Amino acid sequence: METVAAFAEIAEAQLIRSVLEGHGISAVIPNEQTAEIAPPYLWGSGGVKVQVAAEDLAIAREVLATLEKDGPAAAAAESNPDV
């Protein structure tokens, strides 16, 4: 698994995981339970990481680049198209 992004908050990582999965990319948040109950333990290791398979890394980066260009509202719309 390759880290595609890291965040200070678990909610941000979960949102990005949802967006990636919406694009057909399997994504995981290692140490998700630790991030939920004791986030300070992860700050020293680079934050709450979102990881994808190595073969999905390039397309995952493209999806995230599109989100960065379009802003936070795009990420929210991607994860919940009914809004």
Protein backbone atom coordinates (compact mmCIF):
# COMPACT_ATOMS: atom_id res chain seq x y z
CA MET A 1 0.00 0.00 0.00
CA GLU A 2 1.14 3.51 -0.85
CA THR A 3 0.24 6.70 1.03
CA VAL A 4 -1.62 9.06 -1.27
CA ALA A 5 -2.45 11.71 1.35
CA ALA A 6 -2.17 12.51 5.06
CA PHE A 7 -4.37 14.70 7.23
CA ALA A 8 -4.50 16.13 10.72
CA GLU A 9 -8.09 14.98 11.25
CA ILE A 10 -9.72 11.57 10.77
CA ALA A 11 -12.81 13.16 9.18
CA GLU A 12 -10.71 14.57 6.34
CA ALA A 13 -9.10 11.20 5.70
CA GLN A 14 -12.49 9.47 5.72
CA LEU A 15 -13.87 12.00 3.23
CA ILE A 16 -10.96 11.43 0.84
CA ARG A 17 -11.26 7.65 1.24
CA SER A 18 -14.93 7.97 0.30
CA VAL A 19 -14.13 10.06 -2.76
CA LEU A 20 -11.48 7.60 -3.93
CA GLU A 21 -13.81 4.65 -3.41
CA GLY A 22 -16.45 6.53 -5.39
CA HIS A 23 -13.97 6.52 -8.26
CA GLY A 24 -13.49 2.77 -7.94
CA ILE A 25 -10.18 3.01 -6.05
CA SER A 26 -9.92 0.87 -2.95
CA ALA A 27 -8.51 3.01 -0.14
CA VAL A 28 -7.69 2.31 3.50
CA ILE A 29 -6.85 4.34 6.55
CA PRO A 30 -4.25 2.39 8.52
CA ASN A 31 -4.58 2.94 12.25
CA GLU A 32 -8.10 4.32 11.76
CA GLN A 33 -9.15 3.30 15.25
CA THR A 34 -6.14 5.01 16.79
CA ALA A 35 -6.94 8.15 14.80
CA GLU A 36 -10.47 8.13 16.17
CA ILE A 37 -9.64 7.66 19.84
CA ALA A 38 -6.09 9.02 20.24
CA PRO A 39 -5.10 11.22 17.28
CA PRO A 40 -2.00 12.71 18.96
CA TYR A 41 -0.31 9.32 18.63
CA LEU A 42 -0.40 9.66 14.84
CA TRP A 43 0.78 13.26 14.53
CA GLY A 44 4.40 12.27 15.08
CA SER A 45 4.21 9.76 12.23
CA GLY A 46 2.83 12.15 9.63
CA GLY A 47 -0.86 12.30 10.49
CA VAL A 48 -3.83 10.22 9.45
CA LYS A 49 -2.82 8.53 6.21
CA VAL A 50 -4.95 7.39 3.31
CA GLN A 51 -3.39 4.54 1.37
CA VAL A 52 -4.12 2.86 -1.96
CA ALA A 53 -2.61 -0.06 -3.85
CA ALA A 54 0.57 0.82 -5.75
CA GLU A 55 -1.13 0.24 -9.10
CA ASP A 56 -3.87 2.77 -8.19
CA LEU A 57 -1.51 5.48 -6.95
CA ALA A 58 -1.30 7.51 -10.18
CA ILE A 59 -5.06 7.68 -10.72
CA ALA A 60 -5.66 8.43 -7.02
CA ARG A 61 -3.26 11.37 -7.29
CA GLU A 62 -5.15 12.61 -10.36
CA VAL A 63 -8.45 12.45 -8.46
CA LEU A 64 -6.95 14.37 -5.53
CA ALA A 65 -5.39 16.95 -7.85
CA THR A 66 -8.82 17.57 -9.37
CA LEU A 67 -10.28 18.04 -5.89
CA GLU A 68 -7.54 20.51 -4.96
CA LYS A 69 -8.21 22.49 -8.11
CA ASP A 70 -11.98 22.54 -7.57
CA GLY A 71 -11.83 23.17 -3.81
CA PRO A 72 -13.42 21.65 -0.68
CA ALA A 73 -16.97 21.91 -2.02
CA ALA A 74 -16.02 19.50 -4.80
CA ALA A 75 -14.89 16.90 -2.27
CA ALA A 76 -18.17 17.19 -0.38
CA ALA A 77 -20.17 16.90 -3.59
CA GLU A 78 -18.08 13.90 -4.71
CA SER A 79 -18.74 12.00 -1.49
CA ASN A 80 -22.44 12.85 -1.37
CA PRO A 81 -23.88 13.44 -4.86
CA ASP A 82 -27.41 13.87 -3.49
CA VAL A 83 -26.51 17.20 -1.88
